[in-house]
Amino acid sequence: MKGINLAFFAIFLIGAVMFTSGCSKKNDNDSAAAGVQAPAAKINQSTIDDVEKSLIEKHGEASRDRIHRGVGVVAKLWTGDEKEFSEFCLKNFVADSAQLDALFNSISMHFETLWGNNNKISLDLKKPLHLEIGEMNDFDLMMGGYEPGAHINADFFENKTAQYVALNFPFYTLKEKNELGKTWTRKEWAYARVGDMFTANIPAPLLLKISEVMTGADHYINNYNIMMGYLVDDKMQTHFPLDMKLITHWNLRDELKSQYSQPEGLERQKTIYEVMKRIITQTIPNDVINNEKYQWNPVTNKTYSAGKEVTLKPEPNTRYGHLLANFHSRRALDAYNPLYPTYLKAKFEQEMEIPQEEVEAMFEKFVSDPVAKEVGEFIKSRLGRNLQPFDIWYDGFKSRSLLNQDELSKKTRSKYPNPKALENDIPNILMKVGFDKAKANEIASRISVDPARGAGHAWGAQMKGEKAHLRTRIGKEGMDYKGFNIAIHELG
């Protein structure tokens, strides 16, 4: 098993170093670069104590916990003076349960309108970037990178809407949710989710910068294709169909996995692995990316035009430039996020809601378990050869690994020649995995299938009446099996 994780480890290590290093050392240049100032100083503890005491005296002990939590969070997010803070909390705390229910219903209605319509605007602005609907220009990229909701958060802190919500719907940490949530009612969980709405007073320029950075990275990946039929060996022979075009996001891996049942599988896998290494090391010739003009031997890294060797420049450090830009834009948020003061903490506890320590323990248990070595030996005996680094993607334990991928693609192309055909078949797919007919039709009626420019993704709706969008790659000849595999993943 030694060396089996080389490709994965290289990618993981780069990401880990870039992101964890930023969590241990702040850099004011990240915020300054986005044209924002550092957050104001927090409210003194004595002022917080006085406000809490006054509210408890007014509303009683029954409200103590809500008062303590709400006032504490507002104090961390406040940017005005202390007198204004005290007056705001004393005036706006809602103790009556009926009034609190009415407030909750108002928040639900208004924010569905805001977030739902903002989601629809973002979805539509990104159509030229995400969908295969013709050539894209620089203005499309600019508009796709714009985030229309970037100012909502800042506006609501400016007009004190955010502080009003935070004051009346307490914030709970992930640890508290895991412990207290076991006995919570549906309403109590809903109230806690409202308490998660405003946990950081992030300036709009930072949110706009993140959207711009992420859109640029998304555009980069969506257009990073390898023309497999133009990969050659030392004898100038290719082992792939001339028209095979694989996006590097998932398709290279899926093609590698599909080769375990093929006669030429090992040679093809080795070729794909060399391509992956060239991408990771940024030694891939820039002009072979998404381009059918040149033939390329990824082992020797030589390139050819009309059978004659030519010299091409390697791709610049574009891939790592995107990673670095993402790192800086995310690290700039830390100073404005007192409840989740590092990106890692926000990612684990706020977004994924699983403790980082728990994830680390799972990985440690997985990689150190003796069964892993036994499995490796078993795979080795099945393959009849020593394991290669790319065998981390061994697919032989699934029944599909014995099926011919070309034959599967013939079937999927015939069944799904266009996005509408897949959309019409969603009820049938859902019924096959256990949904009854009525529920399958109900779910399918709320999903639109779009032709993706990249590998594809699922994009949910955020208000009633809007459809979720399943964006998936379907070629001119129909959907191949790799596309089908990704589409079903995204549908799930």
Protein backbone atom coordinates (compact mmCIF):
# COMPACT_ATOMS: atom_id res chain seq x y z
CA MET A 1 0.00 0.00 0.00
CA LYS A 2 2.98 2.30 0.33
CA GLY A 3 2.68 5.05 -2.26
CA ILE A 4 -0.95 4.30 -3.09
CA ASN A 5 -2.06 7.70 -1.81
CA LEU A 6 0.52 9.77 -3.71
CA ALA A 7 -1.86 11.64 -6.00
CA PHE A 8 -4.46 12.23 -3.34
CA PHE A 9 -1.89 13.23 -0.76
CA ALA A 10 -0.24 15.73 -3.09
CA ILE A 11 -3.54 17.48 -3.74
CA PHE A 12 -4.62 17.30 -0.10
CA LEU A 13 -1.31 18.58 1.23
CA ILE A 14 -1.34 21.64 -0.99
CA GLY A 15 -4.87 22.56 0.11
CA ALA A 16 -4.18 21.83 3.76
CA VAL A 17 -1.01 23.93 3.88
CA MET A 18 -2.66 26.88 2.18
CA PHE A 19 -5.80 26.92 4.29
CA THR A 20 -4.55 25.90 7.72
CA SER A 21 -1.58 28.25 7.58
CA GLY A 22 -3.98 31.13 7.13
CA CYS A 23 -5.91 30.16 10.21
CA SER A 24 -2.96 30.54 12.51
CA LYS A 25 -1.70 33.86 11.23
CA LYS A 26 -3.83 36.85 10.34
CA ASN A 27 -2.90 39.18 7.54
CA ASP A 28 -4.48 42.63 7.48
CA ASN A 29 -3.51 42.93 3.82
CA ASP A 30 -6.31 40.51 2.92
CA SER A 31 -8.97 42.98 4.09
CA ALA A 32 -7.07 46.04 2.92
CA ALA A 33 -6.81 44.62 -0.58
CA ALA A 34 -10.60 44.48 -0.74
CA GLY A 35 -10.88 48.11 0.34
CA VAL A 36 -12.40 47.53 3.78
CA GLN A 37 -11.44 48.57 7.28
CA ALA A 38 -10.89 46.34 10.28
CA PRO A 39 -13.96 45.81 12.52
CA ALA A 40 -14.60 48.20 15.38
CA ALA A 41 -13.76 47.36 18.98
CA LYS A 42 -16.28 45.25 20.92
CA ILE A 43 -18.56 46.36 23.76
CA ASN A 44 -17.10 46.29 27.29
CA GLN A 45 -18.16 43.38 29.47
CA SER A 46 -19.45 45.72 32.20
CA THR A 47 -21.89 47.28 29.72
CA ILE A 48 -23.04 43.83 28.61
CA ASP A 49 -23.62 42.80 32.24
CA ASP A 50 -25.64 45.95 32.94
CA VAL A 51 -27.87 45.41 29.91
CA GLU A 52 -28.48 41.76 30.79
CA LYS A 53 -29.32 42.66 34.40
CA SER A 54 -31.82 45.32 33.30
CA LEU A 55 -33.55 43.00 30.83
CA ILE A 56 -33.82 40.16 33.34
CA GLU A 57 -35.32 42.51 35.91
CA LYS A 58 -37.87 43.65 33.31
CA HIS A 59 -38.80 40.30 31.76
CA GLY A 60 -38.05 37.77 34.49
CA GLU A 61 -35.84 34.73 35.02
CA ALA A 62 -37.65 32.74 32.33
CA SER A 63 -35.95 34.89 29.72
CA ARG A 64 -32.48 34.79 31.29
CA ASP A 65 -30.88 32.35 28.85
CA ARG A 66 -32.26 34.08 25.75
CA ILE A 67 -31.20 37.46 27.11
CA HIS A 68 -27.69 36.26 27.91
CA ARG A 69 -27.20 34.66 24.50
CA GLY A 70 -28.81 37.43 22.46
CA VAL A 71 -27.10 40.34 24.17
CA GLY A 72 -23.77 38.53 24.03
CA VAL A 73 -23.94 37.94 20.27
CA VAL A 74 -25.12 41.48 19.49
CA ALA A 75 -22.23 42.84 21.55
CA LYS A 76 -19.74 40.88 19.43
CA LEU A 77 -21.29 42.15 16.20
CA TRP A 78 -21.90 45.77 17.26
CA THR A 79 -20.03 48.56 15.50
CA GLY A 80 -21.62 51.62 17.13
CA ASP A 81 -21.06 53.19 20.57
CA GLU A 82 -21.94 51.59 23.88
CA LYS A 83 -24.85 53.89 24.74
CA GLU A 84 -26.54 53.09 21.46
CA PHE A 85 -25.95 49.38 22.08
CA SER A 86 -27.60 49.52 25.50
CA GLU A 87 -30.60 51.49 24.24
CA PHE A 88 -31.06 49.12 21.31
CA CYS A 89 -31.09 45.94 23.43
CA LEU A 90 -33.37 47.39 26.13
CA LYS A 91 -35.86 48.58 23.53
CA ASN A 92 -35.95 45.63 21.12
CA PHE A 93 -35.86 42.43 23.16
CA VAL A 94 -39.10 40.44 22.64
CA ALA A 95 -40.10 38.39 25.67
CA ASP A 96 -43.74 37.51 24.92
CA SER A 97 -44.00 34.07 23.28
CA ALA A 98 -46.89 35.02 20.99
CA GLN A 99 -45.02 38.09 19.75
CA LEU A 100 -41.92 35.97 19.23
CA ASP A 101 -43.92 33.48 17.13
CA ALA A 102 -45.25 36.33 15.02
CA LEU A 103 -41.72 37.69 14.60
CA PHE A 104 -40.48 34.26 13.50
CA ASN A 105 -43.23 34.03 10.85
CA SER A 106 -42.38 37.50 9.57
CA ILE A 107 -38.68 36.63 9.31
CA SER A 108 -39.52 33.43 7.43
CA MET A 109 -41.72 35.27 4.92
CA HIS A 110 -39.44 38.22 4.25
CA PHE A 111 -36.21 36.26 3.97
CA GLU A 112 -37.74 33.69 1.66
CA THR A 113 -38.57 36.62 -0.62
CA LEU A 114 -35.07 38.08 -0.34
CA TRP A 115 -32.99 34.93 -0.57
CA GLY A 116 -35.27 33.20 -3.05
CA ASN A 117 -35.21 36.03 -5.56
CA ASN A 118 -31.51 36.67 -5.01
CA ASN A 119 -30.84 32.98 -5.69
CA LYS A 120 -32.82 33.19 -8.93
CA ILE A 121 -30.92 36.31 -10.04
CA SER A 122 -27.56 34.62 -9.33
CA LEU A 123 -28.66 31.51 -11.20
CA ASP A 124 -29.70 33.53 -14.26
CA LEU A 125 -26.56 35.70 -14.26
CA LYS A 126 -24.42 32.56 -14.36
CA LYS A 127 -26.22 30.96 -17.30
CA PRO A 128 -23.53 31.84 -19.88
CA LEU A 129 -20.86 30.45 -17.53
CA HIS A 130 -22.66 27.27 -16.49
CA LEU A 131 -24.68 26.33 -19.56
CA GLU A 132 -23.64 25.20 -23.01
CA ILE A 133 -25.61 27.93 -24.80
CA GLY A 134 -22.99 29.43 -27.09
CA GLU A 135 -19.79 31.40 -26.86
CA MET A 136 -19.07 33.29 -23.67
CA ASN A 137 -17.48 36.74 -23.57
CA ASP A 138 -15.67 38.77 -20.90
CA PHE A 139 -18.83 40.63 -19.96
CA ASP A 140 -20.60 37.32 -19.26
CA LEU A 141 -17.75 36.42 -16.91
CA MET A 142 -17.99 39.80 -15.17
CA MET A 143 -21.74 39.46 -14.67
CA GLY A 144 -21.44 35.84 -13.55
CA GLY A 145 -18.91 36.89 -10.94
CA TYR A 146 -21.20 39.58 -9.55
CA GLU A 147 -23.07 38.66 -6.36
CA PRO A 148 -26.32 40.66 -6.20
CA GLY A 149 -26.86 39.70 -2.55
CA ALA A 150 -23.44 40.82 -1.34
CA HIS A 151 -24.84 44.00 0.20
CA ILE A 152 -27.81 42.39 1.94
CA ASN A 153 -25.82 41.34 4.98
CA ALA A 154 -24.10 44.73 5.29
CA ASP A 155 -27.35 46.62 4.74
CA PHE A 156 -29.11 44.71 7.50
CA PHE A 157 -26.32 45.42 9.95
CA GLU A 158 -26.47 49.07 8.93
CA ASN A 159 -30.23 49.36 9.57
CA LYS A 160 -30.01 47.08 12.64
CA THR A 161 -32.23 44.32 11.18
CA ALA A 162 -29.43 41.80 11.72
CA GLN A 163 -28.92 42.86 15.34
CA TYR A 164 -32.67 42.69 15.97
CA VAL A 165 -32.80 39.08 14.75
CA ALA A 166 -29.64 38.10 16.67
CA LEU A 167 -30.97 39.66 19.89
CA ASN A 168 -34.24 37.72 19.83
CA PHE A 169 -33.19 34.37 18.42
CA PRO A 170 -30.23 33.00 20.40
CA PHE A 171 -27.13 31.59 18.78
CA TYR A 172 -26.03 28.08 19.79
CA THR A 173 -22.63 26.55 19.14
CA LEU A 174 -22.38 23.22 17.35
CA LYS A 175 -21.53 21.54 20.65
CA GLU A 176 -24.66 22.99 22.24
CA LYS A 177 -26.81 21.92 19.30
CA ASN A 178 -25.47 18.37 19.55
CA GLU A 179 -26.22 18.25 23.28
CA LEU A 180 -29.38 20.36 23.72
CA GLY A 181 -30.88 19.58 20.33
CA LYS A 182 -31.64 16.00 21.30
CA THR A 183 -34.71 17.21 23.20
CA TRP A 184 -35.64 20.27 21.12
CA THR A 185 -39.02 20.54 19.44
CA ARG A 186 -39.36 21.41 15.76
CA LYS A 187 -40.05 25.03 16.74
CA GLU A 188 -37.01 25.20 19.00
CA TRP A 189 -34.83 23.93 16.15
CA ALA A 190 -36.38 26.51 13.83
CA TYR A 191 -35.63 29.28 16.32
CA ALA A 192 -32.04 28.07 16.60
CA ARG A 193 -31.71 28.17 12.80
CA VAL A 194 -32.84 31.80 12.82
CA GLY A 195 -30.10 32.37 15.38
CA ASP A 196 -27.62 31.14 12.76
CA MET A 197 -28.63 33.80 10.22
CA PHE A 198 -26.45 36.70 11.35
CA THR A 199 -23.19 35.57 12.90
CA ALA A 200 -20.75 37.83 11.05
CA ASN A 201 -20.84 41.50 10.05
CA ILE A 202 -18.90 41.09 6.81
CA PRO A 203 -18.38 44.14 4.56
CA ALA A 204 -19.95 43.85 1.11
CA PRO A 205 -16.64 44.37 -0.76
CA LEU A 206 -15.30 41.16 0.81
CA LEU A 207 -18.37 39.18 -0.24
CA LEU A 208 -18.13 40.58 -3.75
CA LYS A 209 -14.45 39.63 -3.87
CA ILE A 210 -15.24 36.04 -2.83
CA SER A 211 -17.90 35.76 -5.53
CA GLU A 212 -15.48 37.10 -8.12
CA VAL A 213 -12.73 34.69 -7.03
CA MET A 214 -14.99 31.66 -6.91
CA THR A 215 -16.55 32.42 -10.28
CA GLY A 216 -13.10 32.74 -11.82
CA ALA A 217 -12.05 29.39 -10.36
CA ASP A 218 -15.29 27.77 -11.50
CA HIS A 219 -14.80 29.13 -15.01
CA TYR A 220 -11.22 27.84 -15.04
CA ILE A 221 -12.26 24.30 -14.08
CA ASN A 222 -15.30 24.19 -16.37
CA ASN A 223 -13.07 24.87 -19.36
CA TYR A 224 -10.18 22.62 -18.36
CA ASN A 225 -10.61 19.67 -20.71
CA ILE A 226 -8.13 17.08 -21.91
CA MET A 227 -8.49 15.86 -25.51
CA MET A 228 -7.86 12.18 -24.85
CA GLY A 229 -7.66 11.16 -28.50
CA TYR A 230 -4.65 13.45 -28.90
CA LEU A 231 -2.60 11.78 -26.17
CA VAL A 232 0.15 9.65 -27.72
CA ASP A 233 2.78 7.18 -26.60
CA ASP A 234 6.42 6.84 -27.76
CA LYS A 235 5.18 5.19 -30.97
CA MET A 236 2.83 8.11 -31.67
CA GLN A 237 -0.17 5.87 -31.05
CA THR A 238 -3.22 6.89 -29.05
CA HIS A 239 -5.18 4.54 -26.81
CA PHE A 240 -8.34 6.62 -26.59
CA PRO A 241 -11.15 7.53 -29.02
CA LEU A 242 -10.32 10.60 -31.08
CA ASP A 243 -13.44 12.46 -29.96
CA MET A 244 -13.05 11.76 -26.22
CA LYS A 245 -13.00 15.05 -24.31
CA LEU A 246 -12.70 14.79 -20.52
CA ILE A 247 -13.08 17.57 -18.00
CA THR A 248 -10.42 17.25 -15.31
CA HIS A 249 -12.85 17.80 -12.43
CA TRP A 250 -14.34 14.30 -12.43
CA ASN A 251 -14.00 12.76 -15.87
CA LEU A 252 -10.30 11.84 -15.70
CA ARG A 253 -10.88 9.93 -12.48
CA ASP A 254 -14.02 8.24 -13.81
CA GLU A 255 -12.27 7.20 -17.02
CA LEU A 256 -9.43 5.72 -14.97
CA LYS A 257 -11.93 3.78 -12.85
CA SER A 258 -13.70 2.46 -15.94
CA GLN A 259 -10.52 0.84 -17.31
CA TYR A 260 -10.19 -1.97 -14.76
CA SER A 261 -12.28 -4.30 -16.94
CA GLN A 262 -10.64 -3.34 -20.25
CA PRO A 263 -7.82 -5.24 -22.05
CA GLU A 264 -5.83 -2.03 -22.54
CA GLY A 265 -6.89 -0.71 -19.17
CA LEU A 266 -3.53 -0.57 -17.41
CA GLU A 267 -1.79 1.42 -20.15
CA ARG A 268 -4.68 3.85 -20.31
CA GLN A 269 -4.66 4.24 -16.54
CA LYS A 270 -0.94 4.97 -16.55
CA THR A 271 -1.47 7.63 -19.21
CA ILE A 272 -4.26 9.29 -17.25
CA TYR A 273 -2.12 9.24 -14.11
CA GLU A 274 0.72 10.98 -15.97
CA VAL A 275 -1.75 13.63 -17.12
CA MET A 276 -2.84 14.16 -13.51
CA LYS A 277 0.74 14.56 -12.33
CA ARG A 278 1.48 17.08 -15.08
CA ILE A 279 -1.53 19.11 -13.97
CA ILE A 280 -0.50 18.99 -10.29
CA THR A 281 3.09 20.02 -11.05
CA GLN A 282 1.93 22.60 -13.63
CA THR A 283 4.21 21.10 -16.28
CA ILE A 284 1.30 20.40 -18.62
CA PRO A 285 1.76 22.32 -21.91
CA ASN A 286 -0.67 25.21 -21.81
CA ASP A 287 -1.81 24.79 -25.42
CA VAL A 288 -2.97 21.19 -25.03
CA ILE A 289 -5.66 22.23 -22.55
CA ASN A 290 -9.06 22.28 -24.23
CA ASN A 291 -7.32 22.29 -27.60
CA GLU A 292 -7.24 19.72 -30.43
CA LYS A 293 -4.39 21.38 -32.33
CA TYR A 294 -1.53 19.38 -30.77
CA GLN A 295 -0.68 15.80 -29.86
CA TRP A 296 0.87 15.29 -26.47
CA ASN A 297 2.90 12.53 -24.82
CA PRO A 298 2.30 13.10 -21.08
CA VAL A 299 5.11 10.68 -20.10
CA THR A 300 7.88 12.53 -21.96
CA ASN A 301 5.93 15.80 -22.04
CA LYS A 302 6.73 16.21 -25.72
CA THR A 303 4.21 17.84 -28.06
CA TYR A 304 3.63 17.45 -31.78
CA SER A 305 1.90 19.23 -34.63
CA ALA A 306 1.22 17.30 -37.83
CA GLY A 307 3.62 14.61 -36.60
CA LYS A 308 6.52 17.01 -35.98
CA GLU A 309 7.76 17.85 -32.52
CA VAL A 310 7.10 21.40 -31.38
CA THR A 311 7.95 23.23 -28.17
CA LEU A 312 5.08 24.57 -26.08
CA LYS A 313 5.23 26.56 -22.89
CA PRO A 314 3.87 24.95 -19.71
CA GLU A 315 0.70 26.24 -18.13
CA PRO A 316 1.52 29.14 -15.78
CA ASN A 317 0.75 28.59 -12.11
CA THR A 318 -2.87 29.39 -12.89
CA ARG A 319 -4.30 26.54 -10.83
CA TYR A 320 -2.40 27.56 -7.71
CA GLY A 321 -3.13 31.20 -8.41
CA HIS A 322 -6.83 30.39 -8.06
CA LEU A 323 -6.16 28.46 -4.84
CA LEU A 324 -4.13 31.36 -3.44
CA ALA A 325 -6.77 33.93 -4.39
CA ASN A 326 -9.41 31.82 -2.68
CA PHE A 327 -7.20 31.50 0.39
CA HIS A 328 -6.70 35.27 0.70
CA SER A 329 -10.37 36.10 0.11
CA ARG A 330 -11.49 33.58 2.73
CA ARG A 331 -8.88 34.56 5.30
CA ALA A 332 -10.04 38.16 5.06
CA LEU A 333 -13.37 37.08 6.58
CA ASP A 334 -11.82 35.90 9.84
CA ALA A 335 -11.56 39.35 11.40
CA TYR A 336 -15.31 39.92 10.92
CA ASN A 337 -16.48 36.55 12.21
CA PRO A 338 -16.25 36.53 16.03
CA LEU A 339 -18.35 33.39 16.45
CA TYR A 340 -16.33 31.41 13.89
CA PRO A 341 -12.96 33.19 13.96
CA THR A 342 -11.22 30.97 11.39
CA TYR A 343 -12.30 29.63 8.02
CA LEU A 344 -11.71 26.06 9.19
CA LYS A 345 -13.96 26.55 12.22
CA ALA A 346 -16.68 28.12 10.06
CA LYS A 347 -16.39 25.33 7.51
CA PHE A 348 -16.64 22.49 10.02
CA GLU A 349 -18.98 23.92 12.66
CA GLN A 350 -21.17 26.32 10.70
CA GLU A 351 -21.42 24.81 7.23
CA MET A 352 -20.89 21.05 7.60
CA GLU A 353 -21.89 20.93 11.28
CA ILE A 354 -19.44 18.24 12.29
CA PRO A 355 -16.56 18.85 14.73
CA GLN A 356 -13.11 19.00 13.15
CA GLU A 357 -11.79 16.66 15.85
CA GLU A 358 -14.40 14.07 14.90
CA VAL A 359 -13.43 14.23 11.23
CA GLU A 360 -9.72 13.92 12.07
CA ALA A 361 -10.45 10.90 14.29
CA MET A 362 -12.39 9.20 11.49
CA PHE A 363 -9.56 9.70 9.01
CA GLU A 364 -6.95 8.50 11.48
CA LYS A 365 -8.98 5.40 12.24
CA PHE A 366 -9.52 4.73 8.54
CA VAL A 367 -5.89 5.02 7.42
CA SER A 368 -4.49 3.15 10.42
CA ASP A 369 -6.93 0.25 10.42
CA PRO A 370 -5.19 -3.09 9.66
CA VAL A 371 -8.06 -3.97 7.35
CA ALA A 372 -6.78 -1.34 4.88
CA LYS A 373 -3.60 -3.35 4.37
CA GLU A 374 -5.61 -6.55 3.94
CA VAL A 375 -7.82 -4.87 1.35
CA GLY A 376 -4.73 -3.66 -0.48
CA GLU A 377 -3.35 -7.20 -0.63
CA PHE A 378 -6.72 -8.47 -1.84
CA ILE A 379 -6.86 -5.88 -4.64
CA LYS A 380 -3.28 -6.76 -5.56
CA SER A 381 -4.19 -10.44 -5.89
CA ARG A 382 -7.20 -9.59 -8.03
CA LEU A 383 -5.20 -7.40 -10.38
CA GLY A 384 -2.25 -9.79 -10.52
CA ARG A 385 0.26 -6.96 -10.21
CA ASN A 386 1.76 -4.58 -7.71
CA LEU A 387 -0.46 -1.69 -6.76
CA GLN A 388 -0.03 1.65 -8.49
CA PRO A 389 -0.74 5.06 -6.89
CA PHE A 390 -3.90 5.44 -8.98
CA ASP A 391 -5.36 2.24 -7.50
CA ILE A 392 -6.88 4.42 -4.77
CA TRP A 393 -9.71 4.52 -7.31
CA TYR A 394 -9.98 0.75 -7.74
CA ASP A 395 -13.58 0.12 -8.72
CA GLY A 396 -13.70 -3.65 -8.73
CA PHE A 397 -15.96 -4.08 -5.72
CA LYS A 398 -18.95 -2.70 -7.62
CA SER A 399 -20.91 -4.69 -10.15
CA ARG A 400 -20.68 -1.88 -12.69
CA SER A 401 -16.89 -2.31 -12.84
CA LEU A 402 -17.42 -5.50 -14.87
CA LEU A 403 -19.56 -3.72 -17.45
CA ASN A 404 -18.17 -2.26 -20.65
CA GLN A 405 -18.23 1.54 -20.42
CA ASP A 406 -18.60 1.96 -24.19
CA GLU A 407 -21.69 -0.23 -24.17
CA LEU A 408 -23.10 1.69 -21.23
CA SER A 409 -22.51 4.98 -23.06
CA LYS A 410 -24.38 3.65 -26.12
CA LYS A 411 -27.38 2.99 -23.89
CA THR A 412 -27.27 6.32 -22.08
CA ARG A 413 -26.80 8.27 -25.34
CA SER A 414 -29.79 6.50 -26.82
CA LYS A 415 -31.91 7.04 -23.71
CA TYR A 416 -30.85 10.65 -23.05
CA PRO A 417 -30.09 12.44 -26.34
CA ASN A 418 -30.83 15.84 -24.72
CA PRO A 419 -31.54 17.42 -21.31
CA LYS A 420 -35.31 17.19 -21.76
CA ALA A 421 -35.13 13.42 -22.11
CA LEU A 422 -33.37 13.14 -18.75
CA GLU A 423 -35.81 15.56 -17.14
CA ASN A 424 -38.76 13.49 -18.39
CA ASP A 425 -37.21 10.31 -16.99
CA ILE A 426 -36.61 11.59 -13.45
CA PRO A 427 -39.92 10.13 -12.13
CA ASN A 428 -38.90 6.71 -13.43
CA ILE A 429 -35.43 7.02 -11.85
CA LEU A 430 -36.92 8.00 -8.49
CA MET A 431 -39.43 5.14 -8.53
CA LYS A 432 -36.61 2.67 -9.20
CA VAL A 433 -34.87 3.75 -5.99
CA GLY A 434 -38.02 3.42 -3.89
CA PHE A 435 -40.22 6.50 -4.21
CA ASP A 436 -43.90 5.90 -4.89
CA LYS A 437 -45.32 7.28 -8.13
CA ALA A 438 -47.03 10.32 -6.59
CA LYS A 439 -43.96 11.44 -4.66
CA ALA A 440 -41.66 10.79 -7.64
CA ASN A 441 -43.83 12.94 -9.90
CA GLU A 442 -44.05 15.67 -7.25
CA ILE A 443 -40.25 15.86 -6.85
CA ALA A 444 -39.60 15.66 -10.59
CA SER A 445 -42.05 18.49 -11.29
CA ARG A 446 -39.76 20.77 -9.28
CA ILE A 447 -36.54 19.97 -11.14
CA SER A 448 -35.30 21.48 -14.39
CA VAL A 449 -32.43 19.80 -16.29
CA ASP A 450 -30.02 22.17 -18.06
CA PRO A 451 -27.06 21.48 -20.42
CA ALA A 452 -23.91 22.18 -18.39
CA ARG A 453 -20.75 23.68 -19.84
CA GLY A 454 -18.67 21.96 -17.13
CA ALA A 455 -19.09 18.67 -15.29
CA GLY A 456 -22.39 19.84 -13.85
CA HIS A 457 -23.92 20.58 -10.47
CA ALA A 458 -27.20 20.77 -8.60
CA TRP A 459 -28.57 24.21 -7.71
CA GLY A 460 -31.50 24.24 -5.30
CA ALA A 461 -34.36 26.74 -5.16
CA GLN A 462 -34.76 28.97 -2.11
CA MET A 463 -38.39 29.95 -2.36
CA LYS A 464 -41.72 28.31 -3.11
CA GLY A 465 -42.69 28.22 -6.76
CA GLU A 466 -39.12 28.06 -8.11
CA LYS A 467 -37.54 24.92 -9.50
CA ALA A 468 -34.25 23.33 -8.56
CA HIS A 469 -31.80 23.07 -11.46
CA LEU A 470 -29.85 19.94 -12.35
CA ARG A 471 -27.11 21.15 -14.66
CA THR A 472 -25.33 18.28 -16.37
CA ARG A 473 -23.09 17.71 -19.37
CA ILE A 474 -24.80 16.18 -22.40
CA GLY A 475 -22.77 16.03 -25.62
CA LYS A 476 -24.00 16.43 -29.19
CA GLU A 477 -24.38 12.65 -29.44
CA GLY A 478 -26.23 12.44 -26.13
CA MET A 479 -25.25 11.73 -22.54
CA ASP A 480 -22.35 9.31 -22.10
CA TYR A 481 -22.14 7.07 -19.06
CA LYS A 482 -19.74 9.37 -17.22
CA GLY A 483 -22.18 12.23 -17.63
CA PHE A 484 -25.02 9.99 -16.47
CA ASN A 485 -23.01 8.92 -13.43
CA ILE A 486 -22.37 12.54 -12.43
CA ALA A 487 -25.98 13.55 -13.12
CA ILE A 488 -27.34 10.83 -10.84
CA HIS A 489 -24.89 11.88 -8.14
CA GLU A 490 -26.09 15.49 -8.42
CA LEU A 491 -29.72 14.40 -8.53
CA GLY A 492 -29.15 12.66 -5.21
